[in-house]
N, C-alpha and C. Protein backbone atom coordinates (compact mmCIF):
# COMPACT_ATOMS: atom_id res chain seq x y z
N UNK A 1 -10.12 -12.86 -20.19
CA UNK A 1 -9.73 -11.92 -19.38
C UNK A 1 -8.40 -11.81 -18.59
N UNK A 2 -8.09 -10.41 -18.65
CA UNK A 2 -7.18 -10.11 -18.35
C UNK A 2 -6.90 -9.49 -17.01
N UNK A 3 -5.59 -9.02 -16.77
CA UNK A 3 -5.41 -8.15 -15.39
C UNK A 3 -4.16 -7.44 -15.57
N UNK A 4 -4.49 -6.45 -15.28
CA UNK A 4 -3.29 -5.23 -15.01
C UNK A 4 -3.17 -4.63 -13.23
N UNK A 5 -2.04 -4.00 -13.60
CA UNK A 5 -1.33 -3.86 -12.12
C UNK A 5 -1.06 -2.21 -12.41
N UNK A 6 -1.80 -1.49 -11.68
CA UNK A 6 -1.48 0.02 -11.41
C UNK A 6 -1.47 0.52 -10.61
N UNK A 7 -0.93 1.97 -10.81
CA UNK A 7 -0.25 2.74 -9.93
C UNK A 7 -1.09 4.25 -9.89
N UNK A 8 -1.75 4.29 -8.88
CA UNK A 8 -2.22 5.38 -8.26
C UNK A 8 -1.58 6.43 -7.86
N UNK A 9 -1.59 7.85 -8.08
CA UNK A 9 -1.38 8.83 -7.35
C UNK A 9 -2.40 9.83 -6.84
N UNK A 10 -3.21 9.96 -5.48
CA UNK A 10 -4.25 10.42 -5.92
C UNK A 10 -3.76 12.01 -5.12
N UNK A 11 -4.70 13.00 -5.69
CA UNK A 11 -4.45 14.25 -5.06
C UNK A 11 -4.50 14.32 -3.75
N UNK A 12 -3.90 15.60 -3.05
CA UNK A 12 -4.57 15.65 -1.67
C UNK A 12 -6.07 16.09 -1.24
N UNK A 13 -6.83 16.18 -2.42
CA UNK A 13 -8.09 16.31 -1.92
C UNK A 13 -8.77 15.05 -1.75
N UNK A 14 -8.22 13.98 -2.40
CA UNK A 14 -8.74 12.67 -2.51
C UNK A 14 -8.09 11.66 -1.28
N UNK A 15 -7.09 12.26 -0.47
CA UNK A 15 -6.16 11.85 0.39
C UNK A 15 -7.28 11.59 1.69
N UNK A 16 -7.07 10.58 2.96
CA UNK A 16 -7.89 11.19 4.25
C UNK A 16 -7.29 12.29 4.76
N UNK A 17 -8.04 13.03 5.30
CA UNK A 17 -7.21 14.34 5.94
C UNK A 17 -6.77 13.77 7.32
N UNK A 18 -5.71 13.70 7.27
CA UNK A 18 -5.44 13.15 8.48
C UNK A 18 -3.62 13.92 8.62
N UNK A 19 -3.54 15.05 9.21
CA UNK A 19 -2.21 15.88 9.27
C UNK A 19 -1.47 15.17 10.18
N UNK A 20 -2.05 14.49 11.42
CA UNK A 20 -1.27 14.14 12.50
C UNK A 20 -0.17 13.05 12.17
N UNK A 21 -0.93 12.50 11.05
CA UNK A 21 -0.08 10.74 10.59
C UNK A 21 0.93 11.37 9.88
N UNK A 22 2.68 11.54 10.36
CA UNK A 22 3.65 11.62 9.54
C UNK A 22 4.07 10.45 8.73
N UNK A 23 4.75 10.85 7.45
CA UNK A 23 5.14 9.99 6.41
C UNK A 23 5.26 8.45 7.27
N UNK A 24 6.32 8.83 8.43
CA UNK A 24 7.22 7.93 8.89
C UNK A 24 6.42 7.15 9.78
N UNK A 25 5.34 7.11 10.13
CA UNK A 25 4.60 6.87 11.16
C UNK A 25 3.79 5.37 10.35
N UNK A 26 3.75 5.17 9.16
CA UNK A 26 3.10 4.40 8.50
C UNK A 26 3.94 3.68 7.12
N UNK A 27 4.71 2.82 6.74
CA UNK A 27 5.48 2.27 5.74
C UNK A 27 4.74 1.82 4.65
N UNK A 28 3.42 1.06 5.12
CA UNK A 28 2.97 0.21 4.10
C UNK A 28 1.68 -0.04 4.79
N UNK A 29 0.64 -0.08 3.85
CA UNK A 29 -0.56 -0.54 4.50
C UNK A 29 -1.37 -1.03 3.34
N UNK A 30 -1.44 -2.41 3.53
CA UNK A 30 -2.19 -3.44 2.57
C UNK A 30 -4.05 -3.74 2.82
N UNK A 31 -4.98 -2.95 1.81
CA UNK A 31 -6.24 -3.30 2.15
C UNK A 31 -6.48 -4.64 1.81
N UNK A 32 -7.07 -5.52 2.55
CA UNK A 32 -7.10 -6.97 2.32
C UNK A 32 -8.63 -7.09 1.91
N UNK A 33 -9.47 -6.49 2.61
CA UNK A 33 -11.12 -6.37 2.46
C UNK A 33 -11.94 -5.65 2.83
N UNK A 34 -12.92 -5.11 2.05
CA UNK A 34 -13.67 -3.97 2.11
C UNK A 34 -15.13 -4.39 1.63
N UNK A 35 -16.05 -3.75 2.15
CA UNK A 35 -17.29 -3.42 2.27
C UNK A 35 -17.91 -2.40 2.13
N UNK A 36 -18.69 -2.16 1.09
CA UNK A 36 -19.35 -0.87 1.08
C UNK A 36 -20.88 -0.74 1.50
N UNK A 37 -21.69 0.05 2.28
CA UNK A 37 -23.02 -0.32 2.40
C UNK A 37 -23.57 1.05 2.31
N UNK A 38 -24.08 1.06 1.32
CA UNK A 38 -24.55 2.44 0.50
C UNK A 38 -25.51 2.77 1.37
N UNK A 39 -26.75 1.63 1.76
CA UNK A 39 -27.82 2.11 2.51
C UNK A 39 -27.44 3.13 3.93
N UNK A 40 -26.17 2.30 4.30
CA UNK A 40 -25.75 2.82 5.77
C UNK A 40 -24.98 4.14 5.48
N UNK A 41 -24.35 4.51 4.35
CA UNK A 41 -23.36 5.33 3.88
C UNK A 41 -21.92 5.22 4.69
N UNK A 42 -21.55 3.70 4.38
CA UNK A 42 -20.39 3.29 5.33
C UNK A 42 -19.48 2.57 4.52
N UNK A 43 -17.90 2.46 4.97
CA UNK A 43 -17.12 1.63 4.50
C UNK A 43 -16.66 0.98 5.30
N UNK A 44 -16.28 -0.67 5.72
CA UNK A 44 -15.86 -1.47 6.25
C UNK A 44 -14.79 -1.86 5.81
N UNK A 45 -13.73 -1.93 6.27
CA UNK A 45 -12.25 -2.77 5.49
C UNK A 45 -11.56 -2.96 6.45
N UNK A 46 -10.58 -4.01 6.29
CA UNK A 46 -9.71 -4.92 6.94
C UNK A 46 -8.31 -4.63 6.62
N UNK A 47 -7.13 -4.26 7.12
CA UNK A 47 -6.18 -3.90 6.67
C UNK A 47 -4.87 -4.77 7.34
N UNK A 48 -3.73 -4.55 6.80
CA UNK A 48 -2.81 -5.34 7.34
C UNK A 48 -1.44 -4.05 7.09
N UNK A 49 -1.08 -3.18 8.12
CA UNK A 49 0.00 -2.15 8.13
C UNK A 49 1.39 -2.44 8.77
N UNK A 50 2.28 -1.64 8.43
CA UNK A 50 3.49 -2.05 8.81
C UNK A 50 3.53 -0.63 9.21
N UNK A 51 4.08 -0.19 10.90
CA UNK A 51 4.20 1.17 11.32
C UNK A 51 4.02 1.34 12.58
N UNK A 52 3.68 2.78 13.32
CA UNK A 52 3.68 3.13 14.61
C UNK A 52 2.07 2.75 14.82
N UNK A 53 1.71 2.09 16.12
CA UNK A 53 0.34 1.66 16.03
C UNK A 53 -0.47 2.63 16.65
N UNK A 54 0.30 3.42 17.57
CA UNK A 54 -0.14 4.70 18.20
C UNK A 54 -0.46 5.85 17.22
N UNK A 55 0.66 6.12 16.28
CA UNK A 55 0.23 7.22 15.55
C UNK A 55 -1.04 7.06 14.90
N UNK A 56 -1.12 5.73 14.21
CA UNK A 56 -2.08 5.20 13.71
C UNK A 56 -3.87 5.17 13.98
N UNK A 57 -3.56 4.84 15.65
CA UNK A 57 -4.80 4.92 16.58
C UNK A 57 -4.92 6.63 16.66
N UNK A 58 -4.11 7.27 16.77
CA UNK A 58 -4.64 8.78 17.37
C UNK A 58 -4.76 9.23 16.25
N UNK A 59 -4.52 9.13 14.71
CA UNK A 59 -4.85 9.67 13.39
C UNK A 59 -6.12 9.22 13.17
N UNK A 60 -6.86 8.07 13.46
CA UNK A 60 -8.21 7.38 13.45
C UNK A 60 -8.91 8.47 14.37
N UNK A 61 -8.77 8.45 15.55
CA UNK A 61 -9.03 9.16 16.52
C UNK A 61 -9.65 10.40 16.13
N UNK A 62 -8.58 11.16 15.32
CA UNK A 62 -9.01 12.88 15.01
C UNK A 62 -10.03 12.78 13.49
N UNK A 63 -10.18 11.78 13.25
CA UNK A 63 -10.69 11.91 11.99
C UNK A 63 -12.57 11.60 12.04
N UNK A 64 -13.40 12.37 11.80
CA UNK A 64 -14.70 12.59 12.31
C UNK A 64 -15.33 11.67 11.27
N UNK A 65 -14.72 11.15 10.33
CA UNK A 65 -15.51 10.28 9.16
C UNK A 65 -15.32 8.89 10.01
N UNK A 66 -14.30 8.23 10.79
CA UNK A 66 -13.73 7.18 11.35
C UNK A 66 -15.12 7.01 12.33
N UNK A 67 -16.03 5.97 12.37
CA UNK A 67 -16.57 5.82 13.28
C UNK A 67 -16.07 4.46 14.13
N UNK A 68 -15.30 3.59 13.79
CA UNK A 68 -14.58 3.17 14.96
C UNK A 68 -13.22 2.50 13.98
N UNK A 69 -12.36 2.03 15.14
CA UNK A 69 -11.17 1.65 14.38
C UNK A 69 -10.76 0.71 15.67
N UNK A 70 -10.32 -0.28 14.96
CA UNK A 70 -9.42 -1.37 15.97
C UNK A 70 -8.20 -2.28 15.90
N UNK A 71 -7.04 -2.18 16.30
CA UNK A 71 -5.92 -2.63 15.97
C UNK A 71 -5.49 -3.90 16.55
N UNK A 72 -4.92 -5.15 15.72
CA UNK A 72 -4.67 -6.44 16.55
C UNK A 72 -3.24 -6.65 16.00
N UNK A 73 -2.31 -6.56 17.02
CA UNK A 73 -1.11 -6.64 16.76
C UNK A 73 -0.80 -8.24 15.92
N UNK A 74 0.19 -7.98 15.15
CA UNK A 74 0.88 -9.51 14.58
C UNK A 74 2.19 -9.76 15.22
N UNK A 75 2.92 -8.84 15.04
CA UNK A 75 4.42 -8.98 15.31
C UNK A 75 5.33 -7.84 15.18
N UNK A 76 6.10 -7.33 15.79
CA UNK A 76 7.14 -6.47 15.48
C UNK A 76 6.91 -5.26 14.42
N UNK A 77 5.78 -4.30 14.56
CA UNK A 77 5.39 -3.41 13.61
C UNK A 77 4.36 -3.51 12.38
N UNK A 78 4.00 -4.85 12.84
CA UNK A 78 2.79 -5.18 12.04
C UNK A 78 1.58 -5.55 12.98
N UNK A 79 0.60 -4.59 12.09
CA UNK A 79 -0.79 -4.69 12.88
C UNK A 79 -2.03 -4.98 11.84
N UNK A 80 -2.94 -5.51 12.35
CA UNK A 80 -4.38 -5.57 11.30
C UNK A 80 -5.21 -4.79 12.00
N UNK A 81 -5.85 -3.65 10.81
CA UNK A 81 -6.66 -2.59 11.23
C UNK A 81 -8.28 -3.00 10.91
N UNK A 82 -8.98 -3.05 11.41
CA UNK A 82 -10.49 -2.63 11.36
C UNK A 82 -10.65 -1.18 11.38
N UNK A 83 -11.75 -0.95 10.10
CA UNK A 83 -12.45 0.40 10.46
C UNK A 83 -13.56 0.37 9.79
N UNK A 84 -14.68 1.18 10.34
CA UNK A 84 -15.59 1.45 9.85
C UNK A 84 -15.83 3.18 9.93
N UNK A 85 -15.98 3.28 8.44
CA UNK A 85 -16.05 4.88 8.41
C UNK A 85 -16.93 5.24 7.43
N UNK A 86 -17.31 6.64 7.39
CA UNK A 86 -18.40 7.24 6.52
C UNK A 86 -17.93 7.00 5.10
N UNK A 87 -18.82 6.60 3.91
CA UNK A 87 -18.51 6.81 2.89
C UNK A 87 -18.43 7.82 2.06
N UNK A 88 -16.96 8.23 1.53
CA UNK A 88 -17.34 9.85 1.20
C UNK A 88 -17.84 9.71 -0.04
N UNK A 89 -17.60 10.76 -1.42
CA UNK A 89 -18.42 10.77 -2.38
C UNK A 89 -17.31 10.26 -3.28
N UNK A 90 -16.01 10.76 -2.82
CA UNK A 90 -15.01 10.44 -3.90
C UNK A 90 -14.99 8.89 -3.90
N UNK A 91 -14.99 7.97 -2.42
CA UNK A 91 -14.84 6.75 -3.02
C UNK A 91 -15.81 6.20 -3.43
N UNK A 92 -16.83 6.58 -3.47
CA UNK A 92 -17.87 6.23 -3.79
C UNK A 92 -17.77 6.33 -5.49
N UNK A 93 -17.25 7.13 -5.91
CA UNK A 93 -17.03 7.59 -7.07
C UNK A 93 -16.25 6.40 -7.86
N UNK A 94 -15.08 6.63 -7.26
CA UNK A 94 -13.70 5.72 -7.79
C UNK A 94 -14.04 4.15 -8.00
N UNK A 95 -14.52 3.78 -6.54
CA UNK A 95 -15.33 2.73 -6.24
C UNK A 95 -16.07 2.35 -7.50
N UNK A 96 -17.04 3.05 -8.03
CA UNK A 96 -18.17 2.46 -8.71
C UNK A 96 -17.63 2.70 -9.92
N UNK A 97 -16.61 3.20 -10.59
CA UNK A 97 -16.13 3.11 -12.11
C UNK A 97 -15.43 1.48 -11.82
N UNK A 98 -14.96 0.93 -11.25
CA UNK A 98 -14.77 -0.39 -11.42
C UNK A 98 -15.97 -1.19 -11.49
N UNK A 99 -17.06 -1.20 -10.66
CA UNK A 99 -17.89 -2.02 -10.64
C UNK A 99 -18.51 -1.64 -12.04
N UNK A 100 -19.38 -0.35 -12.59
CA UNK A 100 -19.95 -0.28 -13.70
C UNK A 100 -19.17 -0.94 -14.71
N UNK A 101 -17.70 -1.45 -14.84
CA UNK A 101 -16.98 -1.78 -15.80
C UNK A 101 -16.93 -3.36 -15.57
N UNK A 102 -17.64 -3.88 -14.46
CA UNK A 102 -17.57 -5.24 -14.29
C UNK A 102 -16.26 -5.77 -13.92
N UNK A 103 -15.22 -4.81 -13.35
CA UNK A 103 -14.05 -5.18 -13.22
C UNK A 103 -13.96 -5.40 -11.52
N UNK A 104 -13.15 -6.63 -11.51
CA UNK A 104 -12.65 -7.08 -9.96
C UNK A 104 -11.46 -6.59 -9.69
N UNK A 105 -11.04 -5.93 -8.64
CA UNK A 105 -10.03 -5.63 -8.08
C UNK A 105 -9.54 -6.58 -7.28
N UNK A 106 -8.38 -7.12 -7.15
CA UNK A 106 -7.81 -8.12 -6.69
C UNK A 106 -6.76 -7.86 -5.47
N UNK A 107 -7.17 -8.26 -4.33
CA UNK A 107 -6.74 -7.49 -2.96
C UNK A 107 -5.17 -7.89 -3.14
N UNK A 108 -4.36 -7.52 -2.41
CA UNK A 108 -4.28 -6.35 -1.20
C UNK A 108 -4.37 -4.71 -2.47
N UNK A 109 -5.26 -4.20 -2.11
CA UNK A 109 -4.59 -2.52 -2.48
C UNK A 109 -3.70 -2.17 -1.65
N UNK A 110 -2.92 -1.68 -2.16
CA UNK A 110 -1.45 -1.23 -1.44
C UNK A 110 -1.31 0.31 -1.28
N UNK A 111 -1.10 0.97 0.00
CA UNK A 111 -1.01 2.17 0.00
C UNK A 111 0.45 2.50 0.66
N UNK A 112 1.31 3.21 0.26
CA UNK A 112 2.87 3.66 0.74
C UNK A 112 2.91 4.76 1.32
N UNK A 113 3.83 4.93 1.82
CA UNK A 113 4.03 6.26 2.55
C UNK A 113 4.65 7.30 1.57
N UNK A 114 4.79 6.93 0.55
CA UNK A 114 5.19 8.08 -0.73
C UNK A 114 3.73 8.36 -1.47
N UNK A 115 2.75 8.20 -0.83
CA UNK A 115 0.98 8.45 -1.17
C UNK A 115 0.82 7.90 -2.54
N UNK A 116 1.32 6.44 -2.82
CA UNK A 116 0.93 5.69 -3.55
C UNK A 116 0.14 4.69 -3.66
N UNK A 117 -0.90 4.38 -4.85
CA UNK A 117 -1.69 3.50 -4.32
C UNK A 117 -1.57 2.24 -5.37
N UNK A 118 -1.14 1.02 -5.15
CA UNK A 118 -0.87 -0.07 -6.13
C UNK A 118 -2.25 -1.19 -6.01
N UNK A 119 -2.66 -1.35 -7.05
CA UNK A 119 -3.69 -2.66 -7.23
C UNK A 119 -3.64 -3.09 -8.53
N UNK A 120 -4.35 -4.50 -8.54
CA UNK A 120 -4.58 -5.33 -9.37
C UNK A 120 -5.75 -5.52 -9.63
N UNK A 121 -6.44 -5.05 -11.20
CA UNK A 121 -7.61 -5.46 -11.69
C UNK A 121 -7.71 -6.38 -12.65
N UNK A 122 -9.05 -7.32 -12.37
CA UNK A 122 -9.17 -8.53 -13.10
C UNK A 122 -10.38 -7.98 -14.16
N UNK A 123 -10.19 -8.19 -15.73
CA UNK A 123 -11.48 -7.87 -16.35
C UNK A 123 -11.12 -7.98 -17.82
N UNK A 124 -12.40 -7.83 -18.64
CA UNK A 124 -12.22 -7.82 -20.33
C UNK A 124 -11.24 -6.90 -20.66
N UNK A 125 -10.47 -7.16 -21.60
CA UNK A 125 -9.25 -5.88 -22.17
C UNK A 125 -10.18 -4.79 -22.08
N UNK A 126 -11.46 -4.68 -23.08
CA UNK A 126 -12.06 -3.44 -23.41
C UNK A 126 -12.49 -2.97 -22.12
N UNK A 127 -12.47 -3.52 -21.09
CA UNK A 127 -13.13 -3.04 -19.90
C UNK A 127 -11.94 -1.88 -19.10
N UNK A 128 -10.57 -2.47 -19.30
CA UNK A 128 -9.53 -2.09 -18.82
C UNK A 128 -9.36 -0.71 -19.58
N UNK A 129 -9.75 -0.87 -20.96
CA UNK A 129 -8.94 0.17 -21.61
C UNK A 129 -9.95 1.56 -21.20
N UNK A 130 -11.15 1.03 -20.85
CA UNK A 130 -12.21 1.93 -20.52
C UNK A 130 -12.02 2.55 -19.22
N UNK A 131 -11.30 1.77 -18.63
CA UNK A 131 -11.15 2.12 -16.62
C UNK A 131 -10.21 3.64 -16.87
N UNK A 132 -9.33 3.70 -17.86
CA UNK A 132 -8.15 4.62 -18.09
C UNK A 132 -8.99 5.95 -18.64
N UNK A 133 -9.89 5.78 -19.12
CA UNK A 133 -10.63 6.90 -19.50
C UNK A 133 -11.69 7.50 -18.66
N UNK A 134 -12.25 6.43 -18.01
CA UNK A 134 -13.49 7.10 -16.87
C UNK A 134 -12.56 7.54 -15.46
N UNK A 135 -11.19 7.34 -15.14
CA UNK A 135 -10.65 7.86 -13.94
C UNK A 135 -10.88 9.37 -13.64
N UNK A 136 -11.30 9.29 -12.28
CA UNK A 136 -11.39 11.26 -12.20
C UNK A 136 -10.47 11.95 -12.33
N UNK A 137 -10.59 13.25 -13.06
CA UNK A 137 -9.86 14.03 -13.10
C UNK A 137 -9.01 14.45 -11.81
N UNK A 138 -7.44 14.17 -11.87
CA UNK A 138 -6.46 14.72 -11.02
C UNK A 138 -5.97 13.72 -10.44
N UNK A 139 -6.35 12.69 -10.80
CA UNK A 139 -5.87 11.27 -9.87
C UNK A 139 -5.09 11.01 -11.26
N UNK A 140 -3.69 10.61 -10.91
CA UNK A 140 -2.65 10.38 -12.06
C UNK A 140 -2.71 8.70 -11.50
N UNK A 141 -2.53 7.97 -12.94
CA UNK A 141 -2.42 6.21 -13.21
C UNK A 141 -1.62 6.03 -14.08
N UNK A 142 -0.77 4.75 -13.92
CA UNK A 142 -0.01 4.45 -14.66
C UNK A 142 -0.15 2.79 -14.73
N UNK A 143 -0.24 2.12 -15.68
CA UNK A 143 -0.42 0.59 -16.19
C UNK A 143 1.18 0.18 -16.05
N UNK A 144 1.34 -0.51 -15.35
CA UNK A 144 2.66 -1.14 -15.01
C UNK A 144 2.82 -2.23 -15.68
N UNK A 145 1.71 -3.08 -15.80
CA UNK A 145 1.48 -4.55 -16.39
C UNK A 145 -0.04 -4.97 -16.51
N UNK A 146 0.27 -5.47 -17.99
CA UNK A 146 -1.12 -5.96 -18.45
C UNK A 146 -1.00 -7.18 -19.10
N UNK A 147 -1.36 -8.52 -18.47
CA UNK A 147 -1.11 -9.64 -19.35
C UNK A 147 -2.31 -10.80 -18.42
N UNK A 148 -1.99 -11.74 -19.03
CA UNK A 148 -3.42 -12.86 -18.38
C UNK A 148 -2.92 -12.89 -16.77
N UNK A 149 -4.14 -13.07 -15.86
CA UNK A 149 -4.07 -12.82 -14.75
C UNK A 149 -3.07 -13.57 -14.02
N UNK A 150 -2.31 -13.04 -12.97
CA UNK A 150 -1.27 -13.98 -12.24
C UNK A 150 -1.56 -13.69 -10.61
N UNK A 151 -1.75 -14.77 -9.64
CA UNK A 151 -2.13 -14.47 -8.43
C UNK A 151 -1.06 -14.44 -7.51
N UNK A 152 -1.15 -12.97 -6.82
CA UNK A 152 -0.11 -13.22 -5.59
C UNK A 152 -0.37 -13.59 -4.59
N UNK A 153 0.34 -14.47 -3.98
CA UNK A 153 -0.12 -15.39 -2.98
C UNK A 153 0.27 -15.02 -1.92
N UNK A 154 1.45 -13.86 -1.20
CA UNK A 154 1.32 -13.51 -0.25
C UNK A 154 1.49 -11.95 -0.49
N UNK A 155 1.59 -11.30 0.98
CA UNK A 155 1.73 -9.53 0.75
C UNK A 155 2.93 -9.82 1.09
N UNK A 156 3.36 -8.05 0.96
CA UNK A 156 4.62 -7.97 1.45
C UNK A 156 4.71 -7.53 2.75
N UNK A 157 3.33 -7.18 3.25
CA UNK A 157 3.78 -6.20 4.85
C UNK A 157 3.44 -8.06 5.65
N UNK A 158 2.70 -8.74 4.96
CA UNK A 158 3.11 -10.07 5.72
C UNK A 158 4.28 -10.90 5.82
N UNK A 159 5.40 -10.23 5.16
CA UNK A 159 7.00 -10.95 5.47
C UNK A 159 7.58 -9.70 5.56
N UNK A 160 7.26 -8.32 5.66
CA UNK A 160 8.38 -7.63 6.06
C UNK A 160 8.41 -6.98 7.19
N UNK A 161 9.36 -6.63 8.06
CA UNK A 161 8.94 -6.18 9.34
C UNK A 161 9.02 -4.59 8.48
N UNK A 162 8.56 -3.58 9.79
CA UNK A 162 8.79 -2.10 9.80
C UNK A 162 10.62 -1.90 9.32
N UNK A 163 11.31 -2.11 10.14
CA UNK A 163 12.28 -1.68 10.03
C UNK A 163 13.25 -2.33 8.32
N UNK A 164 12.76 -3.50 8.53
CA UNK A 164 13.34 -4.00 6.80
C UNK A 164 12.87 -3.24 6.11
N UNK A 165 11.72 -2.57 5.91
CA UNK A 165 11.17 -1.56 5.08
C UNK A 165 11.84 -0.66 4.72
N UNK A 166 11.85 -0.12 6.17
CA UNK A 166 13.13 1.20 5.84
C UNK A 166 14.22 0.95 5.74
N UNK A 167 14.85 -0.14 5.87
CA UNK A 167 16.00 -0.54 5.52
C UNK A 167 15.98 -0.18 3.62
N UNK A 168 15.14 -1.26 3.33
CA UNK A 168 15.22 -1.43 1.77
C UNK A 168 14.86 0.31 0.94
N UNK A 169 13.82 0.78 1.62
CA UNK A 169 13.69 2.48 1.56
C UNK A 169 15.11 3.38 1.04
N UNK A 170 15.68 3.31 2.27
CA UNK A 170 16.96 4.26 2.43
C UNK A 170 17.90 3.57 1.70
N UNK A 171 18.03 2.60 1.33
CA UNK A 171 18.75 1.99 0.45
C UNK A 171 18.61 2.28 -0.91
N UNK A 172 17.61 2.16 -1.07
CA UNK A 172 17.21 2.73 -2.81
C UNK A 172 17.01 4.27 -3.10
N UNK A 173 16.69 4.54 -1.97
CA UNK A 173 16.58 6.41 -1.78
C UNK A 173 18.17 6.78 -2.32
N UNK A 174 19.30 6.09 -1.44
CA UNK A 174 20.57 6.64 -1.41
C UNK A 174 21.47 5.73 -2.60
N UNK A 175 20.93 4.95 -3.73
CA UNK A 175 21.20 4.73 -4.56
C UNK A 175 22.10 3.43 -4.87
N UNK A 176 21.80 2.85 -3.58
CA UNK A 176 22.46 1.46 -3.16
C UNK A 176 22.07 0.57 -4.44
N UNK A 177 21.05 0.45 -4.79
CA UNK A 177 20.65 -0.72 -5.96
C UNK A 177 20.46 -0.16 -6.94
N UNK A 178 21.09 1.31 -7.44
CA UNK A 178 21.25 1.70 -8.77
C UNK A 178 22.56 0.61 -9.25
N UNK A 179 21.99 0.95 -10.79
CA UNK A 179 23.57 0.40 -11.71
C UNK A 179 24.01 1.07 -12.60
N UNK A 180 25.17 1.54 -12.29
CA UNK A 180 25.88 1.31 -11.14
C UNK A 180 25.70 1.64 -9.82
N UNK A 181 25.90 1.23 -8.89
CA UNK A 181 25.38 1.44 -7.57
C UNK A 181 26.36 2.98 -7.14
N UNK A 182 25.46 3.68 -6.43
CA UNK A 182 25.93 5.11 -6.31
C UNK A 182 25.96 5.32 -4.85
N UNK A 183 25.58 4.27 -3.97
CA UNK A 183 25.96 4.31 -2.60
C UNK A 183 26.47 2.93 -1.72
N UNK A 184 27.44 3.22 -1.04
CA UNK A 184 28.22 2.30 -0.12
C UNK A 184 27.57 1.69 0.75
N UNK A 185 27.44 0.29 1.31
CA UNK A 185 26.76 -0.23 2.58
C UNK A 185 26.76 0.91 3.96
N UNK A 186 28.34 1.40 3.93
CA UNK A 186 28.63 2.28 4.84
C UNK A 186 27.59 3.40 4.92
N UNK A 187 27.27 4.17 3.66
CA UNK A 187 26.19 5.12 3.46
C UNK A 187 24.85 4.68 3.94
N UNK A 188 24.38 3.49 3.55
CA UNK A 188 23.02 2.97 4.10
C UNK A 188 23.31 3.09 5.56
N UNK A 189 24.31 2.17 6.44
CA UNK A 189 24.32 2.21 7.55
C UNK A 189 24.19 3.98 8.57
N UNK A 190 24.88 4.91 7.49
CA UNK A 190 24.85 6.09 8.54
C UNK A 190 23.37 6.47 8.40
N UNK A 191 22.57 6.01 6.91
CA UNK A 191 21.24 7.07 6.67
C UNK A 191 20.35 6.03 7.73
N UNK A 192 20.41 4.76 8.36
CA UNK A 192 19.50 3.78 9.48
C UNK A 192 20.24 3.99 10.43
N UNK A 193 21.62 4.87 11.09
CA UNK A 193 21.82 5.13 12.09
C UNK A 193 22.23 3.91 12.76
N UNK A 194 22.81 2.75 12.18
CA UNK A 194 23.35 1.70 12.56
C UNK A 194 24.41 1.15 12.07
N UNK A 195 25.15 -0.03 12.50
CA UNK A 195 26.47 -0.34 11.96
C UNK A 195 26.34 -1.00 10.68
N UNK A 196 27.40 -1.17 10.14
CA UNK A 196 27.41 -1.52 8.88
C UNK A 196 26.90 -3.16 8.77
N UNK A 197 27.01 -3.83 9.88
CA UNK A 197 26.78 -5.32 9.88
C UNK A 197 25.45 -5.57 10.01
N UNK A 198 24.75 -4.57 11.21
CA UNK A 198 23.38 -4.24 11.16
C UNK A 198 22.64 -4.08 10.19
N UNK A 199 23.17 -3.21 9.25
CA UNK A 199 22.30 -2.75 7.78
C UNK A 199 22.47 -3.96 6.74
N UNK A 200 23.50 -4.78 6.91
CA UNK A 200 24.21 -5.57 6.05
C UNK A 200 22.55 -6.49 6.07
N UNK A 201 22.70 -6.97 7.93
CA UNK A 201 21.81 -8.27 8.29
C UNK A 201 20.34 -7.57 7.62
N UNK A 202 19.90 -6.26 7.75
CA UNK A 202 18.62 -5.95 7.59
C UNK A 202 18.60 -5.96 5.88
N UNK A 203 19.54 -6.09 5.25
CA UNK A 203 19.14 -6.02 3.67
C UNK A 203 18.92 -7.47 3.00
N UNK A 204 19.85 -8.18 3.72
CA UNK A 204 19.81 -9.48 3.10
C UNK A 204 18.56 -9.84 3.80
N UNK A 205 18.24 -9.86 5.35
CA UNK A 205 16.93 -10.62 5.36
C UNK A 205 15.73 -10.26 4.28
N UNK A 206 15.93 -8.46 4.25
CA UNK A 206 14.71 -8.54 3.39
C UNK A 206 14.86 -8.88 2.31
N UNK A 207 16.01 -8.90 1.03
CA UNK A 207 16.07 -9.47 -0.24
C UNK A 207 15.61 -11.04 0.05
N UNK A 208 16.32 -11.65 1.28
CA UNK A 208 15.56 -12.90 0.96
C UNK A 208 13.96 -13.13 0.87
N UNK A 209 13.66 -12.41 1.80
CA UNK A 209 11.95 -12.35 1.71
C UNK A 209 11.30 -12.26 0.36
N UNK A 210 12.08 -11.30 -0.20
CA UNK A 210 11.62 -11.01 -1.50
C UNK A 210 11.78 -11.73 -2.68
N UNK A 211 12.95 -12.19 -2.44
CA UNK A 211 13.22 -13.16 -3.73
C UNK A 211 12.50 -14.54 -3.39
N UNK A 212 12.22 -14.95 -2.14
CA UNK A 212 11.25 -16.05 -1.71
C UNK A 212 9.87 -15.89 -2.54
N UNK A 213 9.79 -14.55 -2.26
CA UNK A 213 8.10 -14.44 -2.56
C UNK A 213 7.87 -14.41 -4.64
N UNK A 214 9.29 -13.87 -5.05
CA UNK A 214 9.11 -13.87 -6.28
C UNK A 214 9.23 -15.02 -7.02
N UNK A 215 9.78 -16.05 -6.38
CA UNK A 215 9.98 -17.20 -6.87
C UNK A 215 9.13 -18.31 -6.49
N UNK A 216 7.93 -17.93 -5.63
CA UNK A 216 6.76 -18.64 -5.04
C UNK A 216 7.16 -19.36 -4.17
N UNK A 217 8.10 -19.58 -3.77
CA UNK A 217 8.87 -20.82 -2.62
C UNK A 217 7.83 -20.06 -1.14
């Protein structure tokens, strides 16, 4: 058995039709558990997300395919979301590909505000190869890693606050983490509209969480 980390880019036609949800409203969503009921034509899922709960709640209310949506606060911009929604043909098609090839999706499925979907799958090498050939037209997919399976013990959404996500993303976009570095801490602070001291604290706290996660501590 092998596992692969995959990066998907979904075309607009396959994204949820939620025009009221701005990119800045939800930084990251991690789909932790899901269940498809083909008889009822529904999909139920539990996710952990980092963002604005009111924006997410309003966007869900505007979607006709959402039958039920509940939020439970965790802390500082992090929430559990439970939803029941109509099963779209596109969802059934994509999930059916994994089922047909006996591939197991390893939670979480990660949705970022850059319209990217990241997931890990576990299965036989031949099935992983066949998966790439059966991905629907229009879906961009990149293989980021293929190796013996390794378990990710804790999700990033469970570690980082919304403000920490924003700080890391701003610093990365500005070139703070480029080699050589093309942006200063002062630039990042300006982008975050805060002092250099506050920006430094945000970055160091977020980096500490990432390093701890990477080392499995």
